[in-house]
Amino acid sequence: MSSTQYPIEKVVESRDCTVAASRAHKPIGIDTEGYFHHYDPFKRQVWRFDAHGDIERITPLKDYSVGTYVGFVDSQIGWDNRVLITAHELFGGVF
């Protein structure tokens, strides 16, 4: 279990992630609860939304890497299908 705590920004003003996610987001994968995760590298945040496009939350990464976020979800929730490969996985921890 990871002790890393991520600040959560709950989104209530928008229910549709399709426009936001289409800009520059990189798909990370689908967790075991059925939520989709997309990474926005320009804003350094992860969008979590359901199959209908309703945004469940946006998580700012601040000083954390997307690899740290991927590991956090893996240890706390689990991944059903993950498509993003982190630099740590690709290069064996060189980065």
C-alpha atoms as a PDB file:
ATOM      1  CA  MET A   1       0.000   0.000   0.000  1.00  0.00           C
ATOM      2  CA  SER A   2       1.266   3.390  -0.922  1.00  0.00           C
ATOM      3  CA  SER A   3       1.171   6.265   1.531  1.00  0.00           C
ATOM      4  CA  THR A   4       1.162   8.826  -1.291  1.00  0.00           C
ATOM      5  CA  GLN A   5      -1.831  11.130  -1.007  1.00  0.00           C
ATOM      6  CA  TYR A   6      -3.003  12.966  -4.103  1.00  0.00           C
ATOM      7  CA  PRO A   7      -5.052  16.151  -3.886  1.00  0.00           C
ATOM      8  CA  ILE A   8      -8.413  15.639  -5.559  1.00  0.00           C
ATOM      9  CA  GLU A   9     -10.314  18.345  -7.389  1.00  0.00           C
ATOM     10  CA  LYS A  10     -13.929  17.255  -7.782  1.00  0.00           C
ATOM     11  CA  VAL A  11     -15.496  18.540 -10.977  1.00  0.00           C
ATOM     12  CA  VAL A  12     -19.140  19.508 -10.761  1.00  0.00           C
ATOM     13  CA  GLU A  13     -19.560  22.120 -13.488  1.00  0.00           C
ATOM     14  CA  SER A  14     -18.835  19.763 -16.393  1.00  0.00           C
ATOM     15  CA  ARG A  15     -20.324  16.352 -17.086  1.00  0.00           C
ATOM     16  CA  ASP A  16     -18.737  15.707 -20.458  1.00  0.00           C
ATOM     17  CA  CYS A  17     -15.053  14.916 -20.791  1.00  0.00           C
ATOM     18  CA  THR A  18     -15.003  14.293 -24.542  1.00  0.00           C
ATOM     19  CA  VAL A  19     -13.971  17.835 -25.537  1.00  0.00           C
ATOM     20  CA  ALA A  20     -11.390  18.169 -22.781  1.00  0.00           C
ATOM     21  CA  ALA A  21      -9.954  14.693 -23.288  1.00  0.00           C
ATOM     22  CA  SER A  22      -9.605  15.139 -27.026  1.00  0.00           C
ATOM     23  CA  ARG A  23      -7.127  18.030 -26.752  1.00  0.00           C
ATOM     24  CA  ALA A  24      -3.838  16.547 -25.680  1.00  0.00           C
ATOM     25  CA  HIS A  25      -4.753  13.836 -23.242  1.00  0.00           C
ATOM     26  CA  LYS A  26      -2.970  10.539 -23.330  1.00  0.00           C
ATOM     27  CA  PRO A  27      -5.060   7.506 -22.337  1.00  0.00           C
ATOM     28  CA  ILE A  28      -3.632   5.648 -19.340  1.00  0.00           C
ATOM     29  CA  GLY A  29      -6.152   2.844 -19.031  1.00  0.00           C
ATOM     30  CA  ILE A  30      -9.283   1.571 -17.317  1.00  0.00           C
ATOM     31  CA  ASP A  31      -9.237   0.742 -13.612  1.00  0.00           C
ATOM     32  CA  THR A  32     -11.016  -2.209 -11.973  1.00  0.00           C
ATOM     33  CA  GLU A  33     -13.915   0.080 -10.988  1.00  0.00           C
ATOM     34  CA  GLY A  34     -14.558   0.785 -14.703  1.00  0.00           C
ATOM     35  CA  TYR A  35     -13.241   4.362 -14.781  1.00  0.00           C
ATOM     36  CA  PHE A  36     -11.102   5.643 -17.657  1.00  0.00           C
ATOM     37  CA  HIS A  37      -7.920   7.591 -16.822  1.00  0.00           C
ATOM     38  CA  HIS A  38      -6.389  10.153 -19.217  1.00  0.00           C
ATOM     39  CA  TYR A  39      -3.223  12.153 -18.600  1.00  0.00           C
ATOM     40  CA  ASP A  40      -2.969  15.817 -19.616  1.00  0.00           C
ATOM     41  CA  PRO A  41       0.788  16.486 -19.892  1.00  0.00           C
ATOM     42  CA  PHE A  42       0.361  20.240 -20.352  1.00  0.00           C
ATOM     43  CA  LYS A  43      -1.638  20.749 -17.162  1.00  0.00           C
ATOM     44  CA  ARG A  44       0.060  17.814 -15.388  1.00  0.00           C
ATOM     45  CA  GLN A  45      -3.197  16.289 -14.245  1.00  0.00           C
ATOM     46  CA  VAL A  46      -5.176  13.083 -14.686  1.00  0.00           C
ATOM     47  CA  TRP A  47      -8.844  12.973 -15.657  1.00  0.00           C
ATOM     48  CA  ARG A  48     -10.941  10.066 -14.321  1.00  0.00           C
ATOM     49  CA  PHE A  49     -14.304   9.543 -16.041  1.00  0.00           C
ATOM     50  CA  ASP A  50     -16.900   6.854 -16.643  1.00  0.00           C
ATOM     51  CA  ALA A  51     -18.023   5.157 -19.866  1.00  0.00           C
ATOM     52  CA  HIS A  52     -20.659   7.862 -20.411  1.00  0.00           C
ATOM     53  CA  GLY A  53     -18.042  10.646 -20.329  1.00  0.00           C
ATOM     54  CA  ASP A  54     -19.077  11.938 -16.909  1.00  0.00           C
ATOM     55  CA  ILE A  55     -16.006  13.278 -15.118  1.00  0.00           C
ATOM     56  CA  GLU A  56     -15.575  11.695 -11.697  1.00  0.00           C
ATOM     57  CA  ARG A  57     -12.485  13.697 -10.714  1.00  0.00           C
ATOM     58  CA  ILE A  58      -9.407  15.539 -11.875  1.00  0.00           C
ATOM     59  CA  THR A  59      -6.168  14.841  -9.998  1.00  0.00           C
ATOM     60  CA  PRO A  60      -3.342  17.407 -10.237  1.00  0.00           C
ATOM     61  CA  LEU A  61       0.019  15.609 -10.178  1.00  0.00           C
ATOM     62  CA  LYS A  62       2.056  18.624  -9.003  1.00  0.00           C
ATOM     63  CA  ASP A  63       5.548  17.220  -8.314  1.00  0.00           C
ATOM     64  CA  TYR A  64       4.623  13.573  -8.974  1.00  0.00           C
ATOM     65  CA  SER A  65       5.239  11.747 -12.240  1.00  0.00           C
ATOM     66  CA  VAL A  66       2.494  10.024 -14.185  1.00  0.00           C
ATOM     67  CA  GLY A  67       4.358   6.797 -13.354  1.00  0.00           C
ATOM     68  CA  THR A  68       3.811   7.471  -9.652  1.00  0.00           C
ATOM     69  CA  TYR A  69       0.098   7.983 -10.320  1.00  0.00           C
ATOM     70  CA  VAL A  70      -0.071   4.736 -12.337  1.00  0.00           C
ATOM     71  CA  GLY A  71       1.577   2.882  -9.452  1.00  0.00           C
ATOM     72  CA  PHE A  72      -0.766   4.490  -6.935  1.00  0.00           C
ATOM     73  CA  VAL A  73      -3.872   3.364  -8.861  1.00  0.00           C
ATOM     74  CA  ASP A  74      -2.325  -0.076  -9.336  1.00  0.00           C
ATOM     75  CA  SER A  75      -1.802  -0.512  -5.594  1.00  0.00           C
ATOM     76  CA  GLN A  76      -5.080   1.075  -4.406  1.00  0.00           C
ATOM     77  CA  ILE A  77      -7.656   0.094  -7.063  1.00  0.00           C
ATOM     78  CA  GLY A  78      -5.963  -1.971  -9.767  1.00  0.00           C
ATOM     79  CA  TRP A  79      -5.951  -1.751 -13.536  1.00  0.00           C
ATOM     80  CA  ASP A  80      -8.313  -3.742 -15.735  1.00  0.00           C
ATOM     81  CA  ASN A  81      -6.653  -2.550 -18.945  1.00  0.00           C
ATOM     82  CA  ARG A  82      -3.688  -0.187 -19.070  1.00  0.00           C
ATOM     83  CA  VAL A  83      -2.286   1.227 -22.295  1.00  0.00           C
ATOM     84  CA  LEU A  84       0.241   3.830 -21.086  1.00  0.00           C
ATOM     85  CA  ILE A  85       3.752   2.494 -20.507  1.00  0.00           C
ATOM     86  CA  THR A  86       5.778   4.512 -18.020  1.00  0.00           C
ATOM     87  CA  ALA A  87       9.445   5.406 -18.519  1.00  0.00           C
ATOM     88  CA  HIS A  88      10.291   3.260 -15.477  1.00  0.00           C
ATOM     89  CA  GLU A  89       8.695   0.204 -17.120  1.00  0.00           C
ATOM     90  CA  LEU A  90      10.202   0.951 -20.520  1.00  0.00           C
ATOM     91  CA  PHE A  91      13.755   1.620 -19.362  1.00  0.00           C
ATOM     92  CA  GLY A  92      13.890  -0.542 -16.243  1.00  0.00           C
ATOM     93  CA  GLY A  93      14.207   2.255 -13.710  1.00  0.00           C
ATOM     94  CA  VAL A  94      16.952   4.214 -15.491  1.00  0.00           C
ATOM     95  CA  PHE A  95      14.766   7.326 -15.272  1.00  0.00           C
END
